[in-house]
């Protein structure tokens, strides 16, 4: 393999790695948002239960 071919292959691998990192970061951001939403809903449920009594309508 020539130097030019090796450099081309390295650039391609770097491009694929960057794309994969971007995809993983996007997925992580989506999951962080979902976790924050779930946490907010649990806090609200706890506050409602404190106001209206435990197991408000849940069985």
PDB file of N, CA and C in Angstrom:
ATOM      1  N   UNK A   1       0.847  -1.177   0.000  1.00  0.00           N
ATOM      2  CA  UNK A   1       0.000   0.000   0.000  1.00  0.00           C
ATOM      3  C   UNK A   1       0.894   1.243   0.000  1.00  0.00           C
ATOM      4  N   UNK A   2       0.581   2.157  -0.867  1.00  0.00           N
ATOM      5  CA  UNK A   2       1.381   3.381  -0.961  1.00  0.00           C
ATOM      6  C   UNK A   2       0.992   4.358   0.144  1.00  0.00           C
ATOM      7  N   UNK A   3       1.853   5.371   0.319  1.00  0.00           N
ATOM      8  CA  UNK A   3       1.562   6.395   1.327  1.00  0.00           C
ATOM      9  C   UNK A   3       0.254   7.112   1.016  1.00  0.00           C
ATOM     10  N   UNK A   4       0.010   7.403  -0.233  1.00  0.00           N
ATOM     11  CA  UNK A   4      -1.205   8.114  -0.631  1.00  0.00           C
ATOM     12  C   UNK A   4      -2.439   7.268  -0.316  1.00  0.00           C
ATOM     13  N   UNK A   5      -2.369   5.973  -0.584  1.00  0.00           N
ATOM     14  CA  UNK A   5      -3.502   5.096  -0.293  1.00  0.00           C
ATOM     15  C   UNK A   5      -3.744   4.995   1.211  1.00  0.00           C
ATOM     16  N   UNK A   6      -2.643   4.910   1.964  1.00  0.00           N
ATOM     17  CA  UNK A   6      -2.770   4.804   3.416  1.00  0.00           C
ATOM     18  C   UNK A   6      -3.387   6.083   3.997  1.00  0.00           C
ATOM     19  N   UNK A   7      -2.946   7.248   3.517  1.00  0.00           N
ATOM     20  CA  UNK A   7      -3.506   8.512   3.989  1.00  0.00           C
ATOM     21  C   UNK A   7      -4.993   8.622   3.635  1.00  0.00           C
ATOM     22  N   UNK A   8      -5.335   8.182   2.438  1.00  0.00           N
ATOM     23  CA  UNK A   8      -6.734   8.211   2.017  1.00  0.00           C
ATOM     24  C   UNK A   8      -7.577   7.312   2.924  1.00  0.00           C
ATOM     25  N   UNK A   9      -7.056   6.146   3.231  1.00  0.00           N
ATOM     26  CA  UNK A   9      -7.772   5.222   4.102  1.00  0.00           C
ATOM     27  C   UNK A   9      -7.907   5.809   5.517  1.00  0.00           C
ATOM     28  N   UNK A  10      -6.871   6.448   6.003  1.00  0.00           N
ATOM     29  CA  UNK A  10      -6.918   7.066   7.330  1.00  0.00           C
ATOM     30  C   UNK A  10      -7.936   8.201   7.375  1.00  0.00           C
ATOM     31  N   UNK A  11      -7.999   9.002   6.308  1.00  0.00           N
ATOM     32  CA  UNK A  11      -8.993  10.083   6.245  1.00  0.00           C
ATOM     33  C   UNK A  11     -10.409   9.516   6.257  1.00  0.00           C
ATOM     34  N   UNK A  12     -10.601   8.426   5.514  1.00  0.00           N
ATOM     35  CA  UNK A  12     -11.923   7.790   5.464  1.00  0.00           C
ATOM     36  C   UNK A  12     -12.309   7.242   6.843  1.00  0.00           C
ATOM     37  N   UNK A  13     -11.363   6.623   7.530  1.00  0.00           N
ATOM     38  CA  UNK A  13     -11.634   6.104   8.872  1.00  0.00           C
ATOM     39  C   UNK A  13     -11.947   7.249   9.837  1.00  0.00           C
ATOM     40  N   UNK A  14     -11.221   8.351   9.717  1.00  0.00           N
ATOM     41  CA  UNK A  14     -11.470   9.514  10.579  1.00  0.00           C
ATOM     42  C   UNK A  14     -12.856  10.085  10.296  1.00  0.00           C
ATOM     43  N   UNK A  15     -13.240  10.136   9.024  1.00  0.00           N
ATOM     44  CA  UNK A  15     -14.568  10.640   8.656  1.00  0.00           C
ATOM     45  C   UNK A  15     -15.661   9.747   9.246  1.00  0.00           C
ATOM     46  N   UNK A  16     -15.475   8.431   9.154  1.00  0.00           N
ATOM     47  CA  UNK A  16     -16.461   7.507   9.724  1.00  0.00           C
ATOM     48  C   UNK A  16     -16.529   7.644  11.242  1.00  0.00           C
ATOM     49  N   UNK A  17     -15.384   7.813  11.878  1.00  0.00           N
ATOM     50  CA  UNK A  17     -15.353   7.965  13.338  1.00  0.00           C
ATOM     51  C   UNK A  17     -16.077   9.243  13.763  1.00  0.00           C
ATOM     52  N   UNK A  18     -15.858  10.337  13.029  1.00  0.00           N
ATOM     53  CA  UNK A  18     -16.541  11.597  13.340  1.00  0.00           C
ATOM     54  C   UNK A  18     -18.055  11.446  13.199  1.00  0.00           C
ATOM     55  N   UNK A  19     -18.479  10.757  12.139  1.00  0.00           N
ATOM     56  CA  UNK A  19     -19.904  10.546  11.909  1.00  0.00           C
ATOM     57  C   UNK A  19     -20.505   9.722  13.036  1.00  0.00           C
ATOM     58  N   UNK A  20     -19.792   8.685  13.461  1.00  0.00           N
ATOM     59  CA  UNK A  20     -20.275   7.828  14.550  1.00  0.00           C
ATOM     60  C   UNK A  20     -20.366   8.618  15.861  1.00  0.00           C
ATOM     61  N   UNK A  21     -19.379   9.441  16.133  1.00  0.00           N
ATOM     62  CA  UNK A  21     -19.392  10.260  17.350  1.00  0.00           C
ATOM     63  C   UNK A  21     -20.587  11.203  17.327  1.00  0.00           C
ATOM     64  N   UNK A  22     -20.847  11.819  16.178  1.00  0.00           N
ATOM     65  CA  UNK A  22     -21.977  12.737  16.056  1.00  0.00           C
ATOM     66  C   UNK A  22     -23.296  12.004  16.301  1.00  0.00           C
ATOM     67  N   UNK A  23     -23.435  10.799  15.764  1.00  0.00           N
ATOM     68  CA  UNK A  23     -24.646  10.002  15.972  1.00  0.00           C
ATOM     69  C   UNK A  23     -24.811   9.652  17.450  1.00  0.00           C
ATOM     70  N   UNK A  24     -23.722   9.267  18.101  1.00  0.00           N
ATOM     71  CA  UNK A  24     -23.783   8.910  19.518  1.00  0.00           C
ATOM     72  C   UNK A  24     -24.137  10.119  20.382  1.00  0.00           C
ATOM     73  N   UNK A  25     -23.573  11.286  20.051  1.00  0.00           N
ATOM     74  CA  UNK A  25     -23.887  12.498  20.798  1.00  0.00           C
ATOM     75  C   UNK A  25     -25.358  12.880  20.636  1.00  0.00           C
ATOM     76  N   UNK A  26     -25.881  12.716  19.427  1.00  0.00           N
ATOM     77  CA  UNK A  26     -27.284  13.012  19.168  1.00  0.00           C
ATOM     78  C   UNK A  26     -28.181  12.074  19.978  1.00  0.00           C
ATOM     79  N   UNK A  27     -27.838  10.799  20.008  1.00  0.00           N
ATOM     80  CA  UNK A  27     -28.605   9.817  20.760  1.00  0.00           C
ATOM     81  C   UNK A  27     -28.533  10.117  22.260  1.00  0.00           C
ATOM     82  N   UNK A  28     -27.361  10.468  22.744  1.00  0.00           N
ATOM     83  CA  UNK A  28     -27.193  10.806  24.157  1.00  0.00           C
ATOM     84  C   UNK A  28     -28.049  12.018  24.523  1.00  0.00           C
ATOM     85  N   UNK A  29     -28.047  13.031  23.673  1.00  0.00           N
ATOM     86  CA  UNK A  29     -28.849  14.238  23.931  1.00  0.00           C
ATOM     87  C   UNK A  29     -30.336  13.890  24.005  1.00  0.00           C
ATOM     88  N   UNK A  30     -30.789  13.036  23.096  1.00  0.00           N
ATOM     89  CA  UNK A  30     -32.194  12.617  23.091  1.00  0.00           C
ATOM     90  C   UNK A  30     -32.536  11.889  24.386  1.00  0.00           C
ATOM     91  N   UNK A  31     -31.650  11.003  24.824  1.00  0.00           N
ATOM     92  CA  UNK A  31     -31.894  10.239  26.050  1.00  0.00           C
ATOM     93  C   UNK A  31     -31.848  11.134  27.286  1.00  0.00           C
ATOM     94  N   UNK A  32     -30.959  12.131  27.285  1.00  0.00           N
ATOM     95  CA  UNK A  32     -30.902  13.065  28.407  1.00  0.00           C
ATOM     96  C   UNK A  32     -32.200  13.864  28.514  1.00  0.00           C
ATOM     97  N   UNK A  33     -32.746  14.270  27.368  1.00  0.00           N
ATOM     98  CA  UNK A  33     -34.005  15.005  27.374  1.00  0.00           C
ATOM     99  C   UNK A  33     -35.140  14.124  27.899  1.00  0.00           C
ATOM    100  N   UNK A  34     -35.173  12.867  27.483  1.00  0.00           N
ATOM    101  CA  UNK A  34     -36.213  11.948  27.941  1.00  0.00           C
ATOM    102  C   UNK A  34     -36.092  11.709  29.448  1.00  0.00           C
ATOM    103  N   UNK A  35     -34.880  11.585  29.942  1.00  0.00           N
ATOM    104  CA  UNK A  35     -34.667  11.394  31.377  1.00  0.00           C
ATOM    105  C   UNK A  35     -35.117  12.621  32.166  1.00  0.00           C
ATOM    106  N   UNK A  36     -34.814  13.798  31.665  1.00  0.00           N
ATOM    107  CA  UNK A  36     -35.234  15.033  32.335  1.00  0.00           C
ATOM    108  C   UNK A  36     -36.762  15.124  32.370  1.00  0.00           C
ATOM    109  N   UNK A  37     -37.408  14.762  31.285  1.00  0.00           N
ATOM    110  CA  UNK A  37     -38.868  14.797  31.237  1.00  0.00           C
ATOM    111  C   UNK A  37     -39.467  13.804  32.233  1.00  0.00           C
ATOM    112  N   UNK A  38     -38.918  12.605  32.281  1.00  0.00           N
ATOM    113  CA  UNK A  38     -39.402  11.588  33.212  1.00  0.00           C
ATOM    114  C   UNK A  38     -39.221  12.040  34.651  1.00  0.00           C
ATOM    115  N   UNK A  39     -38.081  12.638  34.941  1.00  0.00           N
ATOM    116  CA  UNK A  39     -37.820  13.146  36.288  1.00  0.00           C
ATOM    117  C   UNK A  39     -38.839  14.219  36.665  1.00  0.00           C
ATOM    118  N   UNK A  40     -39.118  15.123  35.745  1.00  0.00           N
ATOM    119  CA  UNK A  40     -40.091  16.183  36.013  1.00  0.00           C
ATOM    120  C   UNK A  40     -41.474  15.590  36.276  1.00  0.00           C
ATOM    121  N   UNK A  41     -41.863  14.587  35.507  1.00  0.00           N
ATOM    122  CA  UNK A  41     -43.169  13.954  35.720  1.00  0.00           C
ATOM    123  C   UNK A  41     -43.240  13.260  37.073  1.00  0.00           C
ATOM    124  N   UNK A  42     -42.161  12.609  37.479  1.00  0.00           N
ATOM    125  CA  UNK A  42     -42.149  11.947  38.785  1.00  0.00           C
ATOM    126  C   UNK A  42     -42.242  12.964  39.921  1.00  0.00           C
ATOM    127  N   UNK A  43     -41.558  14.090  39.778  1.00  0.00           N
ATOM    128  CA  UNK A  43     -41.630  15.136  40.800  1.00  0.00           C
ATOM    129  C   UNK A  43     -43.053  15.674  40.891  1.00  0.00           C
ATOM    130  N   UNK A  44     -43.663  15.934  39.748  1.00  0.00           N
ATOM    131  CA  UNK A  44     -45.038  16.428  39.749  1.00  0.00           C
ATOM    132  C   UNK A  44     -46.000  15.416  40.368  1.00  0.00           C
ATOM    133  N   UNK A  45     -45.809  14.141  40.062  1.00  0.00           N
ATOM    134  CA  UNK A  45     -46.671  13.103  40.637  1.00  0.00           C
ATOM    135  C   UNK A  45     -46.525  13.078  42.155  1.00  0.00           C
ATOM    136  N   UNK A  46     -45.295  13.196  42.627  1.00  0.00           N
ATOM    137  CA  UNK A  46     -45.043  13.197  44.067  1.00  0.00           C
ATOM    138  C   UNK A  46     -45.727  14.387  44.734  1.00  0.00           C
ATOM    139  N   UNK A  47     -45.663  15.562  44.096  1.00  0.00           N
ATOM    140  CA  UNK A  47     -46.309  16.740  44.647  1.00  0.00           C
ATOM    141  C   UNK A  47     -47.831  16.583  44.671  1.00  0.00           C
ATOM    142  N   UNK A  48     -48.378  16.024  43.602  1.00  0.00           N
ATOM    143  CA  UNK A  48     -49.827  15.791  43.571  1.00  0.00           C
ATOM    144  C   UNK A  48     -50.234  14.794  44.641  1.00  0.00           C
ATOM    145  N   UNK A  49     -49.459  13.744  44.814  1.00  0.00           N
ATOM    146  CA  UNK A  49     -49.768  12.765  45.847  1.00  0.00           C
ATOM    147  C   UNK A  49     -49.721  13.400  47.226  1.00  0.00           C
ATOM    148  N   UNK A  50     -48.808  14.326  47.440  1.00  0.00           N
ATOM    149  CA  UNK A  50     -48.711  15.010  48.732  1.00  0.00           C
ATOM    150  C   UNK A  50     -49.952  15.890  48.950  1.00  0.00           C
ATOM    151  N   UNK A  51     -50.463  16.506  47.899  1.00  0.00           N
ATOM    152  CA  UNK A  51     -51.638  17.368  48.022  1.00  0.00           C
ATOM    153  C   UNK A  51     -52.926  16.577  48.181  1.00  0.00           C
ATOM    154  N   UNK A  52     -53.096  15.523  47.391  1.00  0.00           N
ATOM    155  CA  UNK A  52     -54.346  14.798  47.319  1.00  0.00           C
ATOM    156  C   UNK A  52     -54.321  13.456  48.038  1.00  0.00           C
ATOM    157  N   UNK A  53     -53.205  13.106  48.612  1.00  0.00           N
ATOM    158  CA  UNK A  53     -53.104  11.828  49.304  1.00  0.00           C
ATOM    159  C   UNK A  53     -52.446  10.799  48.424  1.00  0.00           C
ATOM    160  N   UNK A  54     -51.861   9.799  49.030  1.00  0.00           N
ATOM    161  CA  UNK A  54     -51.166   8.742  48.286  1.00  0.00           C
ATOM    162  C   UNK A  54     -52.115   7.983  47.380  1.00  0.00           C
ATOM    163  N   UNK A  55     -51.569   7.436  46.300  1.00  0.00           N
ATOM    164  CA  UNK A  55     -52.306   6.613  45.335  1.00  0.00           C
ATOM    165  C   UNK A  55     -53.559   7.303  44.827  1.00  0.00           C
ATOM    166  N   UNK A  56     -53.426   8.541  44.394  1.00  0.00           N
ATOM    167  CA  UNK A  56     -54.566   9.292  43.876  1.00  0.00           C
ATOM    168  C   UNK A  56     -55.015   8.717  42.541  1.00  0.00           C
ATOM    169  N   UNK A  57     -55.917   7.732  42.626  1.00  0.00           N
ATOM    170  CA  UNK A  57     -56.472   7.146  41.413  1.00  0.00           C
ATOM    171  C   UNK A  57     -55.647   6.022  40.841  1.00  0.00           C
ATOM    172  N   UNK A  58     -54.540   5.692  41.422  1.00  0.00           N
ATOM    173  CA  UNK A  58     -53.696   4.599  40.910  1.00  0.00           C
ATOM    174  C   UNK A  58     -53.925   3.347  41.710  1.00  0.00           C
ATOM    175  N   UNK A  59     -54.056   2.247  41.026  1.00  0.00           N
ATOM    176  CA  UNK A  59     -54.203   0.965  41.709  1.00  0.00           C
ATOM    177  C   UNK A  59     -53.331  -0.060  41.082  1.00  0.00           C
TER     178      UNK A  59
END
